[in-house]
């Protein structure tokens, strides 16, 4: 196994992966958008499916293990079940304005093929708006 594999890093030019998991949980159904980054998954819980038109409320969650890129099934601790809704690769895109806090990603999945925009809200902390623009 290479050092890159052991460290959870990607060689230069390797594609980053994403997954969207439909999560039936005690707090209600939501969709977890997970983006691979530096050996972990940056994660947001979306209130609606990511292909819903218009902005969708999203909550930043703690980073998750890379195992969720390929996992479907029960979540330990009675936290419900997850099913893969979509998966593929992505690349970060530069924000139009260097001082802009919006995060922009080009998604190449089975369902989602286009631009995902994540805009952090100033209040309350950890709340974002997600919007998908199909290409």
C-alpha atoms as a PDB file:
ATOM      1  CA  UNK A   1       0.000   0.000   0.000  1.00  0.00           C
ATOM      2  CA  UNK A   2       1.386   3.448  -0.904  1.00  0.00           C
ATOM      3  CA  UNK A   3       2.053   6.218   1.592  1.00  0.00           C
ATOM      4  CA  UNK A   4      -0.727   8.233  -0.086  1.00  0.00           C
ATOM      5  CA  UNK A   5      -3.214   5.444   0.608  1.00  0.00           C
ATOM      6  CA  UNK A   6      -2.087   5.086   4.221  1.00  0.00           C
ATOM      7  CA  UNK A   7      -2.328   8.824   4.825  1.00  0.00           C
ATOM      8  CA  UNK A   8      -5.690   9.141   3.068  1.00  0.00           C
ATOM      9  CA  UNK A   9      -4.300  11.668   0.593  1.00  0.00           C
ATOM     10  CA  UNK A  10      -4.587  11.714  -3.169  1.00  0.00           C
ATOM     11  CA  UNK A  11      -1.748  11.964  -5.655  1.00  0.00           C
ATOM     12  CA  UNK A  12      -1.692  15.233  -7.658  1.00  0.00           C
ATOM     13  CA  UNK A  13      -4.345  15.261 -10.375  1.00  0.00           C
ATOM     14  CA  UNK A  14      -6.426  12.455  -8.822  1.00  0.00           C
ATOM     15  CA  UNK A  15     -10.176  13.075  -8.813  1.00  0.00           C
ATOM     16  CA  UNK A  16     -11.917  13.763  -5.535  1.00  0.00           C
ATOM     17  CA  UNK A  17     -15.046  11.745  -4.743  1.00  0.00           C
ATOM     18  CA  UNK A  18     -18.420  12.789  -3.376  1.00  0.00           C
ATOM     19  CA  UNK A  19     -21.484  10.937  -2.199  1.00  0.00           C
ATOM     20  CA  UNK A  20     -25.044  11.948  -1.305  1.00  0.00           C
ATOM     21  CA  UNK A  21     -26.670   9.642   1.226  1.00  0.00           C
ATOM     22  CA  UNK A  22     -30.400   9.689   1.884  1.00  0.00           C
ATOM     23  CA  UNK A  23     -30.501   9.420   5.666  1.00  0.00           C
ATOM     24  CA  UNK A  24     -33.619   8.261   7.494  1.00  0.00           C
ATOM     25  CA  UNK A  25     -32.803   9.259  11.037  1.00  0.00           C
ATOM     26  CA  UNK A  26     -34.634   9.919  14.307  1.00  0.00           C
ATOM     27  CA  UNK A  27     -34.421  13.661  13.533  1.00  0.00           C
ATOM     28  CA  UNK A  28     -36.145  13.084  10.180  1.00  0.00           C
ATOM     29  CA  UNK A  29     -35.166  12.357   6.599  1.00  0.00           C
ATOM     30  CA  UNK A  30     -32.395  14.460   5.114  1.00  0.00           C
ATOM     31  CA  UNK A  31     -29.646  14.113   2.493  1.00  0.00           C
ATOM     32  CA  UNK A  32     -25.985  14.075   3.543  1.00  0.00           C
ATOM     33  CA  UNK A  33     -23.692  15.706   0.989  1.00  0.00           C
ATOM     34  CA  UNK A  34     -20.161  14.416   1.617  1.00  0.00           C
ATOM     35  CA  UNK A  35     -17.078  15.746  -0.182  1.00  0.00           C
ATOM     36  CA  UNK A  36     -13.735  13.955   0.090  1.00  0.00           C
ATOM     37  CA  UNK A  37     -11.008  16.244   1.430  1.00  0.00           C
ATOM     38  CA  UNK A  38      -7.670  15.450   3.052  1.00  0.00           C
ATOM     39  CA  UNK A  39      -8.617  11.926   4.109  1.00  0.00           C
ATOM     40  CA  UNK A  40     -12.042  12.839   5.544  1.00  0.00           C
ATOM     41  CA  UNK A  41     -15.497  13.751   4.263  1.00  0.00           C
ATOM     42  CA  UNK A  42     -16.646  17.322   4.638  1.00  0.00           C
ATOM     43  CA  UNK A  43     -20.384  16.938   5.301  1.00  0.00           C
ATOM     44  CA  UNK A  44     -23.601  18.947   5.148  1.00  0.00           C
ATOM     45  CA  UNK A  45     -27.143  17.755   5.950  1.00  0.00           C
ATOM     46  CA  UNK A  46     -29.536  19.045   3.289  1.00  0.00           C
ATOM     47  CA  UNK A  47     -33.199  19.506   4.209  1.00  0.00           C
ATOM     48  CA  UNK A  48     -34.355  18.386   0.731  1.00  0.00           C
ATOM     49  CA  UNK A  49     -32.951  16.323  -2.146  1.00  0.00           C
ATOM     50  CA  UNK A  50     -30.018  18.176  -3.748  1.00  0.00           C
ATOM     51  CA  UNK A  51     -31.741  18.423  -7.140  1.00  0.00           C
ATOM     52  CA  UNK A  52     -34.652  20.413  -5.660  1.00  0.00           C
ATOM     53  CA  UNK A  53     -34.930  23.789  -7.458  1.00  0.00           C
ATOM     54  CA  UNK A  54     -33.996  26.853  -5.445  1.00  0.00           C
ATOM     55  CA  UNK A  55     -31.901  27.235  -2.310  1.00  0.00           C
ATOM     56  CA  UNK A  56     -32.032  24.383   0.214  1.00  0.00           C
ATOM     57  CA  UNK A  57     -31.246  24.854   3.918  1.00  0.00           C
ATOM     58  CA  UNK A  58     -28.093  22.954   4.855  1.00  0.00           C
ATOM     59  CA  UNK A  59     -26.350  22.313   8.157  1.00  0.00           C
ATOM     60  CA  UNK A  60     -22.601  21.776   8.409  1.00  0.00           C
ATOM     61  CA  UNK A  61     -21.875  18.506  10.226  1.00  0.00           C
ATOM     62  CA  UNK A  62     -18.637  17.124  11.666  1.00  0.00           C
ATOM     63  CA  UNK A  63     -16.345  15.456   9.140  1.00  0.00           C
ATOM     64  CA  UNK A  64     -17.074  11.778   8.465  1.00  0.00           C
ATOM     65  CA  UNK A  65     -14.878   8.777   7.670  1.00  0.00           C
ATOM     66  CA  UNK A  66     -14.090   7.942   4.032  1.00  0.00           C
ATOM     67  CA  UNK A  67     -15.886   4.602   4.510  1.00  0.00           C
ATOM     68  CA  UNK A  68     -19.186   6.427   3.890  1.00  0.00           C
ATOM     69  CA  UNK A  69     -18.200   6.886   0.229  1.00  0.00           C
ATOM     70  CA  UNK A  70     -19.119   3.221  -0.278  1.00  0.00           C
ATOM     71  CA  UNK A  71     -21.481   2.489   2.626  1.00  0.00           C
ATOM     72  CA  UNK A  72     -25.223   1.841   2.747  1.00  0.00           C
ATOM     73  CA  UNK A  73     -27.046   0.442   5.756  1.00  0.00           C
ATOM     74  CA  UNK A  74     -27.670   1.074   9.452  1.00  0.00           C
ATOM     75  CA  UNK A  75     -25.782   3.746  11.383  1.00  0.00           C
ATOM     76  CA  UNK A  76     -24.551   2.766  14.837  1.00  0.00           C
ATOM     77  CA  UNK A  77     -26.113   4.220  17.961  1.00  0.00           C
ATOM     78  CA  UNK A  78     -29.679   4.108  16.617  1.00  0.00           C
ATOM     79  CA  UNK A  79     -28.998   6.962  14.186  1.00  0.00           C
ATOM     80  CA  UNK A  80     -31.049   5.458  11.362  1.00  0.00           C
ATOM     81  CA  UNK A  81     -30.225   4.095   7.914  1.00  0.00           C
ATOM     82  CA  UNK A  82     -28.451   5.532   4.867  1.00  0.00           C
ATOM     83  CA  UNK A  83     -28.924   4.765   1.170  1.00  0.00           C
ATOM     84  CA  UNK A  84     -26.739   6.055  -1.651  1.00  0.00           C
ATOM     85  CA  UNK A  85     -28.703   8.682  -3.557  1.00  0.00           C
ATOM     86  CA  UNK A  86     -25.811   9.695  -5.828  1.00  0.00           C
ATOM     87  CA  UNK A  87     -22.037   9.434  -6.079  1.00  0.00           C
ATOM     88  CA  UNK A  88     -19.268  10.554  -8.382  1.00  0.00           C
ATOM     89  CA  UNK A  89     -16.335  12.928  -8.569  1.00  0.00           C
ATOM     90  CA  UNK A  90     -16.049  16.650  -8.013  1.00  0.00           C
ATOM     91  CA  UNK A  91     -13.678  19.536  -8.338  1.00  0.00           C
ATOM     92  CA  UNK A  92     -13.650  22.800  -6.395  1.00  0.00           C
ATOM     93  CA  UNK A  93     -14.135  25.949  -8.460  1.00  0.00           C
ATOM     94  CA  UNK A  94     -12.922  29.430  -7.584  1.00  0.00           C
ATOM     95  CA  UNK A  95     -15.470  31.875  -6.203  1.00  0.00           C
ATOM     96  CA  UNK A  96     -16.199  34.789  -8.572  1.00  0.00           C
ATOM     97  CA  UNK A  97     -14.860  37.297  -6.019  1.00  0.00           C
ATOM     98  CA  UNK A  98     -11.730  36.531  -3.924  1.00  0.00           C
ATOM     99  CA  UNK A  99     -13.423  37.937  -0.791  1.00  0.00           C
ATOM    100  CA  UNK A 100     -16.521  35.810  -1.331  1.00  0.00           C
ATOM    101  CA  UNK A 101     -17.237  33.075   1.238  1.00  0.00           C
ATOM    102  CA  UNK A 102     -19.347  30.919  -1.088  1.00  0.00           C
ATOM    103  CA  UNK A 103     -17.954  27.475  -1.926  1.00  0.00           C
ATOM    104  CA  UNK A 104     -18.500  26.243  -5.484  1.00  0.00           C
ATOM    105  CA  UNK A 105     -18.037  22.697  -6.747  1.00  0.00           C
ATOM    106  CA  UNK A 106     -18.457  21.015 -10.113  1.00  0.00           C
ATOM    107  CA  UNK A 107     -20.164  17.660  -9.480  1.00  0.00           C
ATOM    108  CA  UNK A 108     -19.976  14.765 -11.946  1.00  0.00           C
ATOM    109  CA  UNK A 109     -22.320  12.142 -10.540  1.00  0.00           C
ATOM    110  CA  UNK A 110     -25.006   9.836 -11.851  1.00  0.00           C
ATOM    111  CA  UNK A 111     -27.834  12.228 -10.925  1.00  0.00           C
ATOM    112  CA  UNK A 112     -25.994  15.455 -10.160  1.00  0.00           C
ATOM    113  CA  UNK A 113     -24.040  16.844 -13.097  1.00  0.00           C
ATOM    114  CA  UNK A 114     -23.433  20.544 -12.682  1.00  0.00           C
ATOM    115  CA  UNK A 115     -22.489  23.228 -10.228  1.00  0.00           C
ATOM    116  CA  UNK A 116     -23.156  23.054  -6.483  1.00  0.00           C
ATOM    117  CA  UNK A 117     -23.046  26.320  -4.541  1.00  0.00           C
ATOM    118  CA  UNK A 118     -22.756  26.397  -0.762  1.00  0.00           C
ATOM    119  CA  UNK A 119     -23.187  29.754   0.933  1.00  0.00           C
ATOM    120  CA  UNK A 120     -22.521  30.059   4.674  1.00  0.00           C
ATOM    121  CA  UNK A 121     -25.065  32.127   6.579  1.00  0.00           C
ATOM    122  CA  UNK A 122     -23.900  34.599   9.192  1.00  0.00           C
ATOM    123  CA  UNK A 123     -26.471  33.423  11.713  1.00  0.00           C
ATOM    124  CA  UNK A 124     -26.988  30.922  13.180  1.00  0.00           C
ATOM    125  CA  UNK A 125     -23.481  29.421  12.981  1.00  0.00           C
ATOM    126  CA  UNK A 126     -23.146  26.223  10.951  1.00  0.00           C
ATOM    127  CA  UNK A 127     -26.127  27.012   8.726  1.00  0.00           C
ATOM    128  CA  UNK A 128     -25.675  27.192   4.957  1.00  0.00           C
ATOM    129  CA  UNK A 129     -27.711  27.445   1.778  1.00  0.00           C
ATOM    130  CA  UNK A 130     -27.150  24.845  -0.940  1.00  0.00           C
ATOM    131  CA  UNK A 131     -28.173  25.351  -4.555  1.00  0.00           C
ATOM    132  CA  UNK A 132     -27.563  23.072  -7.516  1.00  0.00           C
ATOM    133  CA  UNK A 133     -27.370  24.285 -11.125  1.00  0.00           C
ATOM    134  CA  UNK A 134     -27.565  21.404 -13.635  1.00  0.00           C
ATOM    135  CA  UNK A 135     -25.311  21.575 -16.714  1.00  0.00           C
END
